[in-house]
């Protein structure tokens, strides 16, 4: 708490000189968390502004990856993991707008990711400047991006890189289906369901039985060993000391991975396993108008709102609505996306370093990625808006 307060104080000292800090901090002090329902036009505008910020997050880098902006420290270096799954978001956006410009950016990023693939087939964790060893989860997210651009270009080097990466993932998986070697912190985690999904997506193209077997083994390990009857997951946090109360960010990763795997496999049990926690979170949100940053095993919450996780769970609700047509899931996603649009509005009076971005926490001095605009928060905001707008345009 002391560290957060020190950063908070430092930001206010900088605020008269830093337009970006002033734009976000003052609005977080003097606004409430609720938000009126945004119109379709407002959400489309918010989507375009978020895409423009992602372009800035690429243009600010010395390579063709995507970085994040911190209100005190400025721009960091490119992040291979998030650059990978940002490609997937941009490819979806290119289906409705600015196709040539967007795809050209995706190709540049994909080629950069090819250039930094480890000899093993994996990709490193954290930012590229840290040059860390390859990690299972991060590798899965780069696969998402490379396969997305492969589907657009049909250039074999992207598919070959995906196959090499999945071969490595298969080789380092433990016999029970968990990933522990080359896992973040060396610990088994259920959010690797979000790795299973791109493996199965590639497998639909390659028809490699081993790929499907390994993904299914991990999914079954999660359901058989790590999920309580109320839907809450053991071993879901990205820390050791708060593993008893995981963050919404990693809970949503786990749910989303199960939903996508259910779709790829046409296997209802994975969908059902995802729906239980998603529905619990929906009921909390609809009754309280907000979601905490962390959740204990009885779904009681703690810590401030994590905007990344809010966007991610909105995506999950929309996927469930698309499958079940249960209107409450659409209602929850509409309200959550409106909340996120309101939070994006804080950054619009800043410079292009922040304009259109989503911050990590609300308020910005919260514990998760505080005082920063992590590129993955804006990526998931884009995904949530794209999915809502797609569903509504189909009505």
Protein backbone atom coordinates (compact mmCIF):
# COMPACT_ATOMS: atom_id res chain seq x y z
CA UNK A 1 0.00 0.00 0.00
CA UNK A 2 2.88 2.35 0.82
CA UNK A 3 4.45 1.73 -2.58
CA UNK A 4 1.15 2.47 -4.34
CA UNK A 5 0.73 5.68 -2.33
CA UNK A 6 4.27 6.75 -3.22
CA UNK A 7 3.57 6.23 -6.90
CA UNK A 8 0.22 8.01 -6.54
CA UNK A 9 1.94 11.02 -4.91
CA UNK A 10 4.67 11.05 -7.53
CA UNK A 11 2.08 11.06 -10.31
CA UNK A 12 0.32 14.06 -8.80
CA UNK A 13 3.62 15.91 -8.52
CA UNK A 14 4.16 15.18 -12.21
CA UNK A 15 0.57 15.91 -13.19
CA UNK A 16 1.00 19.66 -13.90
CA UNK A 17 3.75 18.76 -16.37
CA UNK A 18 2.44 15.45 -17.71
CA UNK A 19 -0.77 15.69 -19.66
CA UNK A 20 -1.29 11.92 -19.68
CA UNK A 21 -0.97 11.60 -15.89
CA UNK A 22 -3.27 14.56 -15.32
CA UNK A 23 -5.92 13.23 -17.75
CA UNK A 24 -6.25 9.89 -15.97
CA UNK A 25 -5.53 10.71 -12.32
CA UNK A 26 -7.83 13.67 -11.85
CA UNK A 27 -10.75 11.87 -13.49
CA UNK A 28 -10.18 8.80 -11.30
CA UNK A 29 -10.32 10.98 -8.19
CA UNK A 30 -13.49 12.83 -9.13
CA UNK A 31 -15.59 10.23 -10.98
CA UNK A 32 -17.69 7.32 -9.75
CA UNK A 33 -17.41 3.77 -11.05
CA UNK A 34 -20.85 3.51 -12.65
CA UNK A 35 -21.60 4.38 -16.27
CA UNK A 36 -24.62 5.05 -18.43
CA UNK A 37 -25.30 2.64 -21.27
CA UNK A 38 -23.22 3.55 -24.32
CA UNK A 39 -24.84 3.61 -27.73
CA UNK A 40 -23.70 1.41 -30.59
CA UNK A 41 -22.19 4.47 -32.25
CA UNK A 42 -20.26 5.34 -29.07
CA UNK A 43 -18.93 1.80 -28.82
CA UNK A 44 -17.85 1.86 -32.46
CA UNK A 45 -16.00 5.12 -31.85
CA UNK A 46 -14.39 3.67 -28.73
CA UNK A 47 -13.29 0.65 -30.76
CA UNK A 48 -11.65 2.83 -33.41
CA UNK A 49 -9.89 4.89 -30.74
CA UNK A 50 -8.57 1.74 -29.09
CA UNK A 51 -7.23 0.47 -32.42
CA UNK A 52 -5.52 3.81 -33.03
CA UNK A 53 -3.82 3.51 -29.64
CA UNK A 54 -2.61 -0.02 -30.45
CA UNK A 55 -1.06 1.42 -33.62
CA UNK A 56 0.78 3.97 -31.46
CA UNK A 57 1.88 1.14 -29.14
CA UNK A 58 3.51 -0.47 -32.17
CA UNK A 59 4.93 2.71 -33.68
CA UNK A 60 6.68 3.63 -30.42
CA UNK A 61 8.75 0.44 -30.52
CA UNK A 62 12.17 0.01 -32.12
CA UNK A 63 10.93 -3.28 -33.59
CA UNK A 64 7.48 -4.28 -34.92
CA UNK A 65 6.05 -5.58 -31.66
CA UNK A 66 3.65 -3.83 -29.28
CA UNK A 67 4.62 -2.10 -26.06
CA UNK A 68 2.82 -0.64 -23.05
CA UNK A 69 2.82 2.88 -21.61
CA UNK A 70 3.43 3.81 -17.97
CA UNK A 71 2.32 7.21 -16.67
CA UNK A 72 5.63 7.71 -14.84
CA UNK A 73 8.18 5.61 -16.70
CA UNK A 74 6.94 6.02 -20.28
CA UNK A 75 7.03 3.33 -22.95
CA UNK A 76 8.46 -0.11 -22.27
CA UNK A 77 9.84 -2.47 -24.89
CA UNK A 78 7.82 -4.91 -26.99
CA UNK A 79 6.05 -7.81 -25.31
CA UNK A 80 6.14 -10.98 -27.47
CA UNK A 81 3.23 -12.72 -25.73
CA UNK A 82 0.77 -9.84 -26.00
CA UNK A 83 2.02 -8.86 -29.45
CA UNK A 84 0.98 -12.35 -30.53
CA UNK A 85 -2.59 -12.13 -29.40
CA UNK A 86 -2.94 -8.49 -30.43
CA UNK A 87 -2.45 -9.75 -33.99
CA UNK A 88 -5.57 -11.89 -33.56
CA UNK A 89 -7.60 -8.86 -32.49
CA UNK A 90 -6.35 -6.74 -35.37
CA UNK A 91 -7.13 -9.48 -37.89
CA UNK A 92 -10.74 -9.48 -36.64
CA UNK A 93 -10.91 -5.69 -36.85
CA UNK A 94 -9.53 -5.81 -40.41
CA UNK A 95 -12.65 -7.74 -41.45
CA UNK A 96 -14.69 -4.59 -40.94
CA UNK A 97 -12.26 -1.65 -41.39
CA UNK A 98 -8.89 -0.51 -42.76
CA UNK A 99 -7.98 -3.96 -44.03
CA UNK A 100 -4.75 -3.23 -45.88
CA UNK A 101 -3.29 -0.99 -43.20
CA UNK A 102 -4.17 -3.37 -40.37
CA UNK A 103 -2.96 -6.54 -42.09
CA UNK A 104 0.32 -4.90 -43.08
CA UNK A 105 0.95 -4.11 -39.42
CA UNK A 106 0.07 -7.67 -38.45
CA UNK A 107 2.47 -9.13 -41.00
CA UNK A 108 5.29 -6.93 -39.72
CA UNK A 109 4.62 -8.03 -36.16
CA UNK A 110 4.34 -11.69 -37.17
CA UNK A 111 7.67 -11.53 -38.99
CA UNK A 112 9.28 -9.99 -35.92
CA UNK A 113 7.88 -12.81 -33.77
CA UNK A 114 9.33 -15.35 -36.21
CA UNK A 115 12.71 -13.67 -35.83
CA UNK A 116 12.74 -14.10 -32.03
CA UNK A 117 11.37 -17.65 -31.80
CA UNK A 118 13.66 -19.74 -29.63
CA UNK A 119 15.46 -22.73 -31.11
CA UNK A 120 13.24 -24.98 -28.99
CA UNK A 121 10.14 -23.57 -30.67
CA UNK A 122 8.92 -21.49 -27.74
CA UNK A 123 8.84 -17.78 -27.03
CA UNK A 124 10.19 -15.93 -24.03
CA UNK A 125 8.25 -14.41 -21.16
CA UNK A 126 8.04 -10.70 -20.30
CA UNK A 127 9.40 -7.95 -22.58
CA UNK A 128 11.85 -8.60 -25.35
CA UNK A 129 14.57 -6.52 -23.69
CA UNK A 130 14.60 -8.95 -20.74
CA UNK A 131 15.48 -11.87 -23.04
CA UNK A 132 14.05 -14.52 -20.71
CA UNK A 133 13.68 -18.27 -21.41
CA UNK A 134 10.69 -19.67 -23.26
CA UNK A 135 7.44 -20.11 -21.31
CA UNK A 136 4.43 -22.31 -22.06
CA UNK A 137 1.68 -19.71 -21.65
CA UNK A 138 3.41 -16.97 -23.62
CA UNK A 139 4.18 -19.40 -26.42
CA UNK A 140 0.51 -20.27 -26.71
CA UNK A 141 -0.41 -16.63 -27.19
CA UNK A 142 2.14 -16.09 -29.95
CA UNK A 143 0.69 -19.15 -31.69
CA UNK A 144 -2.69 -17.37 -31.69
CA UNK A 145 -1.27 -14.45 -33.62
CA UNK A 146 0.81 -16.41 -36.08
CA UNK A 147 -2.05 -18.73 -36.92
CA UNK A 148 -4.37 -15.76 -37.41
CA UNK A 149 -2.01 -14.22 -39.95
CA UNK A 150 -1.46 -17.61 -41.57
CA UNK A 151 -5.20 -17.86 -42.18
CA UNK A 152 -5.10 -14.47 -43.92
CA UNK A 153 -1.91 -14.90 -45.97
CA UNK A 154 -1.61 -18.69 -46.30
CA UNK A 155 2.15 -18.24 -46.01
CA UNK A 156 3.61 -21.50 -44.75
CA UNK A 157 6.31 -19.99 -42.52
CA UNK A 158 3.66 -18.93 -40.01
CA UNK A 159 2.08 -22.37 -39.83
CA UNK A 160 5.50 -24.01 -39.61
CA UNK A 161 6.39 -21.78 -36.65
CA UNK A 162 3.11 -22.74 -34.96
CA UNK A 163 3.83 -26.45 -35.48
CA UNK A 164 7.34 -26.10 -34.11
CA UNK A 165 5.97 -24.31 -31.04
CA UNK A 166 3.25 -26.91 -30.43
CA UNK A 167 5.75 -29.74 -30.84
CA UNK A 168 7.73 -28.11 -28.02
CA UNK A 169 4.60 -27.70 -25.87
CA UNK A 170 3.79 -31.38 -26.34
CA UNK A 171 7.32 -32.39 -25.41
CA UNK A 172 7.41 -30.44 -22.14
CA UNK A 173 3.93 -31.39 -20.89
CA UNK A 174 3.86 -33.69 -17.86
CA UNK A 175 2.19 -37.10 -18.04
CA UNK A 176 -0.88 -36.00 -16.05
CA UNK A 177 -1.62 -33.22 -18.54
CA UNK A 178 -0.29 -30.26 -16.56
CA UNK A 179 2.53 -27.99 -17.64
CA UNK A 180 5.10 -27.43 -14.92
CA UNK A 181 8.40 -27.34 -16.79
CA UNK A 182 8.80 -24.00 -18.56
CA UNK A 183 5.69 -22.72 -16.79
CA UNK A 184 5.62 -19.26 -15.23
CA UNK A 185 7.16 -19.63 -11.74
CA UNK A 186 7.56 -23.36 -12.53
CA UNK A 187 4.05 -24.00 -11.20
CA UNK A 188 1.04 -25.78 -12.62
CA UNK A 189 -1.77 -23.39 -13.48
CA UNK A 190 -5.29 -23.86 -14.81
CA UNK A 191 -5.15 -20.84 -17.08
CA UNK A 192 -3.21 -23.00 -19.52
CA UNK A 193 -6.67 -23.79 -20.91
CA UNK A 194 -5.90 -20.59 -22.81
CA UNK A 195 -2.95 -22.45 -24.36
CA UNK A 196 -5.08 -25.48 -25.25
CA UNK A 197 -7.38 -23.34 -27.41
CA UNK A 198 -4.76 -22.23 -29.99
CA UNK A 199 -3.34 -25.78 -30.05
CA UNK A 200 -6.77 -27.07 -31.04
CA UNK A 201 -7.21 -24.25 -33.54
CA UNK A 202 -4.00 -25.19 -35.30
CA UNK A 203 -4.92 -28.87 -35.07
CA UNK A 204 -8.08 -28.17 -37.08
CA UNK A 205 -5.72 -27.27 -39.92
CA UNK A 206 -2.96 -29.83 -39.41
CA UNK A 207 -4.99 -32.85 -38.20
CA UNK A 208 -2.22 -33.90 -35.80
CA UNK A 209 -3.75 -36.35 -33.33
CA UNK A 210 -1.01 -35.70 -30.77
CA UNK A 211 -1.92 -32.02 -30.58
CA UNK A 212 -5.54 -32.79 -29.75
CA UNK A 213 -4.54 -35.48 -27.26
CA UNK A 214 -2.26 -33.15 -25.34
CA UNK A 215 -4.81 -30.33 -25.22
CA UNK A 216 -7.59 -32.64 -24.05
CA UNK A 217 -5.31 -34.14 -21.39
CA UNK A 218 -4.69 -30.69 -19.93
CA UNK A 219 -8.39 -29.77 -20.05
CA UNK A 220 -9.37 -32.97 -18.25
CA UNK A 221 -6.66 -32.37 -15.65
CA UNK A 222 -8.23 -28.96 -14.93
CA UNK A 223 -11.77 -30.29 -14.58
CA UNK A 224 -10.84 -33.43 -12.65
CA UNK A 225 -8.42 -31.84 -10.20
CA UNK A 226 -8.78 -28.09 -10.02
CA UNK A 227 -12.41 -26.95 -10.17
CA UNK A 228 -14.76 -26.76 -7.20
CA UNK A 229 -18.50 -27.40 -7.49
CA UNK A 230 -19.18 -23.66 -7.39
CA UNK A 231 -16.94 -23.18 -10.44
CA UNK A 232 -13.97 -21.62 -8.63
CA UNK A 233 -10.52 -22.81 -9.73
CA UNK A 234 -7.56 -23.92 -7.65
CA UNK A 235 -4.11 -22.85 -8.87
CA UNK A 236 -5.47 -20.02 -10.96
CA UNK A 237 -3.42 -17.00 -9.89
CA UNK A 238 -0.21 -15.72 -11.43
CA UNK A 239 1.43 -15.36 -8.00
CA UNK A 240 2.29 -17.77 -5.20
CA UNK A 241 1.19 -15.68 -2.22
CA UNK A 242 -2.31 -14.87 -3.51
CA UNK A 243 -3.15 -18.18 -5.13
CA UNK A 244 -6.06 -18.55 -2.69
CA UNK A 245 -7.71 -15.49 -4.27
CA UNK A 246 -6.82 -15.35 -7.97
CA UNK A 247 -7.23 -12.23 -10.06
CA UNK A 248 -10.13 -11.82 -12.48
CA UNK A 249 -7.58 -11.63 -15.32
CA UNK A 250 -6.43 -15.25 -14.92
CA UNK A 251 -9.89 -16.52 -13.95
CA UNK A 252 -11.17 -15.12 -17.23
CA UNK A 253 -8.26 -16.67 -19.15
CA UNK A 254 -9.29 -20.05 -17.75
CA UNK A 255 -12.98 -19.62 -18.56
CA UNK A 256 -12.31 -18.31 -22.07
CA UNK A 257 -9.94 -21.17 -22.80
CA UNK A 258 -12.55 -23.71 -21.76
CA UNK A 259 -15.21 -22.02 -23.90
CA UNK A 260 -13.04 -22.00 -27.01
CA UNK A 261 -11.91 -25.58 -26.47
CA UNK A 262 -15.52 -26.67 -26.09
CA UNK A 263 -16.22 -25.06 -29.44
CA UNK A 264 -13.23 -26.67 -31.16
CA UNK A 265 -14.00 -30.11 -29.73
CA UNK A 266 -17.81 -29.92 -29.71
CA UNK A 267 -17.52 -31.11 -26.12
CA UNK A 268 -20.26 -29.81 -23.81
CA UNK A 269 -18.55 -30.64 -20.52
CA UNK A 270 -15.92 -27.96 -21.11
CA UNK A 271 -18.62 -25.40 -21.90
CA UNK A 272 -20.53 -26.33 -18.75
CA UNK A 273 -17.38 -26.04 -16.65
CA UNK A 274 -16.82 -22.54 -18.02
CA UNK A 275 -20.41 -21.40 -17.64
CA UNK A 276 -20.60 -21.97 -13.86
CA UNK A 277 -17.90 -19.44 -12.85
CA UNK A 278 -18.91 -17.04 -15.62
CA UNK A 279 -22.49 -17.06 -14.35
CA UNK A 280 -21.39 -16.50 -10.75
CA UNK A 281 -19.38 -13.48 -11.83
CA UNK A 282 -22.30 -12.23 -13.93
CA UNK A 283 -24.66 -12.36 -10.96
CA UNK A 284 -22.18 -10.45 -8.81
CA UNK A 285 -21.77 -7.79 -11.48
CA UNK A 286 -25.48 -7.37 -12.18
CA UNK A 287 -26.28 -7.07 -8.47
CA UNK A 288 -23.41 -4.77 -7.50
CA UNK A 289 -22.55 -2.94 -10.71
CA UNK A 290 -18.88 -3.77 -10.35
CA UNK A 291 -16.41 -6.65 -10.01
CA UNK A 292 -13.54 -6.94 -7.58
CA UNK A 293 -10.02 -7.62 -8.75
CA UNK A 294 -9.68 -10.92 -6.87
CA UNK A 295 -12.04 -13.69 -5.80
CA UNK A 296 -11.84 -16.14 -2.92
CA UNK A 297 -13.13 -19.70 -3.14
CA UNK A 298 -16.63 -18.61 -2.08
CA UNK A 299 -16.63 -15.88 -4.78
CA UNK A 300 -16.23 -13.09 -2.23
CA UNK A 301 -14.15 -10.33 -3.76
CA UNK A 302 -11.22 -8.18 -2.72
CA UNK A 303 -8.99 -5.45 -4.17
CA UNK A 304 -9.84 -2.86 -6.78
CA UNK A 305 -11.24 -3.46 -10.24
CA UNK A 306 -8.97 -4.94 -12.91
CA UNK A 307 -10.12 -3.50 -16.23
CA UNK A 308 -8.30 -6.17 -18.24
CA UNK A 309 -10.28 -8.88 -16.47
CA UNK A 310 -13.51 -6.92 -16.90
CA UNK A 311 -13.05 -6.88 -20.67
CA UNK A 312 -12.11 -10.56 -20.68
CA UNK A 313 -15.16 -11.67 -18.70
CA UNK A 314 -17.37 -9.59 -21.00
CA UNK A 315 -15.98 -11.64 -23.88
CA UNK A 316 -16.85 -14.84 -22.01
CA UNK A 317 -20.40 -13.67 -21.35
CA UNK A 318 -20.86 -12.83 -25.03
CA UNK A 319 -19.58 -16.24 -26.09
CA UNK A 320 -22.01 -17.92 -23.70
CA UNK A 321 -24.87 -15.76 -24.99
CA UNK A 322 -23.99 -16.71 -28.55
CA UNK A 323 -24.24 -20.37 -27.57
CA UNK A 324 -27.28 -20.31 -25.26
CA UNK A 325 -29.20 -17.15 -26.22
CA UNK A 326 -29.68 -16.43 -22.49
CA UNK A 327 -30.29 -12.70 -22.51
CA UNK A 328 -28.73 -12.00 -19.11
CA UNK A 329 -25.28 -12.73 -20.51
CA UNK A 330 -25.77 -10.18 -23.29
CA UNK A 331 -27.13 -7.66 -20.77
CA UNK A 332 -24.10 -8.12 -18.54
CA UNK A 333 -21.69 -7.71 -21.44
CA UNK A 334 -23.48 -4.57 -22.67
CA UNK A 335 -23.24 -3.01 -19.21
CA UNK A 336 -19.62 -4.05 -18.76
CA UNK A 337 -18.61 -2.71 -22.15
CA UNK A 338 -20.34 0.60 -21.36
CA UNK A 339 -18.39 0.72 -18.09
CA UNK A 340 -15.17 0.17 -20.03
CA UNK A 341 -16.04 2.86 -22.58
CA UNK A 342 -16.46 5.28 -19.68
CA UNK A 343 -13.06 4.29 -18.34
CA UNK A 344 -11.50 4.77 -21.77
CA UNK A 345 -12.88 8.32 -21.76
CA UNK A 346 -10.38 9.21 -19.01
CA UNK A 347 -7.51 8.81 -21.46
CA UNK A 348 -8.97 10.80 -24.35
CA UNK A 349 -7.70 14.18 -23.13
CA UNK A 350 -4.13 12.90 -22.90
CA UNK A 351 -1.52 12.69 -25.65
CA UNK A 352 -1.33 9.83 -28.13
CA UNK A 353 0.58 7.93 -25.43
CA UNK A 354 -2.73 7.30 -23.69
CA UNK A 355 -5.55 8.50 -25.95
CA UNK A 356 -7.92 5.57 -26.50
CA UNK A 357 -6.12 3.19 -24.11
CA UNK A 358 -7.51 1.21 -21.19
CA UNK A 359 -5.56 1.37 -17.93
CA UNK A 360 -4.73 -1.74 -15.95
CA UNK A 361 -6.75 -0.91 -12.84
CA UNK A 362 -9.65 1.29 -11.81
CA UNK A 363 -8.78 3.50 -10.13
CA UNK A 364 -5.45 3.74 -11.88
CA UNK A 365 -3.52 3.39 -8.60
CA UNK A 366 -5.04 -0.05 -7.97
CA UNK A 367 -2.74 -3.01 -7.45
CA UNK A 368 -2.86 -4.50 -10.95
CA UNK A 369 -0.53 -2.82 -13.48
CA UNK A 370 -1.01 0.45 -11.63
CA UNK A 371 -0.37 3.78 -13.32
CA UNK A 372 -0.07 2.10 -16.68
CA UNK A 373 -1.80 1.31 -19.95
CA UNK A 374 -0.87 -2.34 -20.58
CA UNK A 375 -1.42 -3.15 -24.23
CA UNK A 376 -3.35 -6.31 -23.35
CA UNK A 377 -6.03 -4.31 -21.50
CA UNK A 378 -6.79 -2.41 -24.70
CA UNK A 379 -6.55 -5.64 -26.73
CA UNK A 380 -9.30 -7.28 -24.67
CA UNK A 381 -11.39 -4.10 -24.77
CA UNK A 382 -11.17 -4.32 -28.57
CA UNK A 383 -12.20 -7.99 -28.49
CA UNK A 384 -15.18 -7.30 -26.23
CA UNK A 385 -16.46 -4.47 -28.43
CA UNK A 386 -15.89 -6.43 -31.65
CA UNK A 387 -17.89 -9.37 -30.32
CA UNK A 388 -20.77 -7.25 -29.02
CA UNK A 389 -20.99 -5.27 -32.25
CA UNK A 390 -20.84 -8.47 -34.30
CA UNK A 391 -23.70 -10.03 -32.33
CA UNK A 392 -25.83 -6.93 -32.67
CA UNK A 393 -25.16 -6.50 -36.38
CA UNK A 394 -26.40 -10.06 -36.91
CA UNK A 395 -29.76 -9.33 -35.27
